[in-house]
Amino acid sequence: MPWYIWLIILVTLGSIIGSLLMLRKTAQRIPLTQEQKERIAKRNAQLDAEEEREKRERDR
């Protein structure tokens, strides 16, 4: 392969790796209150129940 193809590959990989590292460095946790956590858990349980019900209906 010509040298400029290797240069393009290197620059591309460097951009991808650099972007992922920057994303990881700037990621922050979202502070949630206990009430918000409970609402999320309740909503997830409802969605899981709906998905299970739909799955059972499809399997019939």
Protein backbone atom coordinates (compact mmCIF):
# COMPACT_ATOMS: atom_id res chain seq x y z
CA MET A 1 0.00 0.00 0.00
CA PRO A 2 1.20 3.52 -0.68
CA TRP A 3 2.34 5.64 2.24
CA TYR A 4 -0.57 8.07 1.95
CA ILE A 5 -3.10 5.28 2.50
CA TRP A 6 -1.33 4.42 5.76
CA LEU A 7 -1.44 8.10 6.71
CA ILE A 8 -5.20 8.25 6.06
CA ILE A 9 -5.74 5.10 8.14
CA LEU A 10 -3.66 6.50 10.99
CA VAL A 11 -5.44 9.85 10.97
CA THR A 12 -8.84 8.13 10.91
CA LEU A 13 -8.01 5.80 13.79
CA GLY A 14 -6.51 8.69 15.74
CA SER A 15 -9.67 10.74 15.27
CA ILE A 16 -11.90 7.89 16.41
CA ILE A 17 -9.80 7.06 19.46
CA GLY A 18 -9.38 10.74 20.37
CA SER A 19 -13.12 11.34 20.13
CA LEU A 20 -13.90 8.35 22.33
CA LEU A 21 -11.36 9.43 24.95
CA MET A 22 -12.74 12.99 24.98
CA LEU A 23 -16.29 11.65 25.32
CA ARG A 24 -15.26 9.47 28.26
CA LYS A 25 -13.46 12.37 29.93
CA THR A 26 -16.43 14.75 29.69
CA ALA A 27 -19.14 12.24 30.67
CA GLN A 28 -20.90 13.12 33.91
CA ARG A 29 -23.44 11.37 36.07
CA ILE A 30 -26.92 12.85 36.23
CA PRO A 31 -27.93 13.56 39.83
CA LEU A 32 -31.40 12.11 40.49
CA THR A 33 -33.58 12.44 43.55
CA GLN A 34 -34.95 9.33 45.22
CA GLU A 35 -38.42 10.17 43.86
CA GLN A 36 -37.10 10.31 40.29
CA LYS A 37 -35.33 6.96 40.73
CA GLU A 38 -38.56 5.41 42.00
CA ARG A 39 -40.55 6.79 39.05
CA ILE A 40 -37.96 5.40 36.62
CA ALA A 41 -38.05 1.98 38.28
CA LYS A 42 -41.87 1.98 38.20
CA ARG A 43 -41.94 2.97 34.52
CA ASN A 44 -39.36 0.29 33.65
CA ALA A 45 -41.43 -2.33 35.46
CA GLN A 46 -44.55 -1.26 33.53
CA LEU A 47 -42.72 -1.42 30.22
CA ASP A 48 -41.30 -4.85 31.05
CA ALA A 49 -44.80 -6.10 31.91
CA GLU A 50 -46.19 -4.71 28.63
CA GLU A 51 -43.38 -6.31 26.62
CA GLU A 52 -43.95 -9.64 28.34
CA ARG A 53 -47.69 -9.45 27.63
CA GLU A 54 -47.05 -8.61 23.97
CA LYS A 55 -44.56 -11.46 23.70
CA ARG A 56 -47.10 -13.93 25.13
CA GLU A 57 -49.75 -12.68 22.67
CA ARG A 58 -47.36 -13.13 19.72
CA ASP A 59 -46.45 -16.66 20.79
CA ARG A 60 -50.07 -17.81 20.71
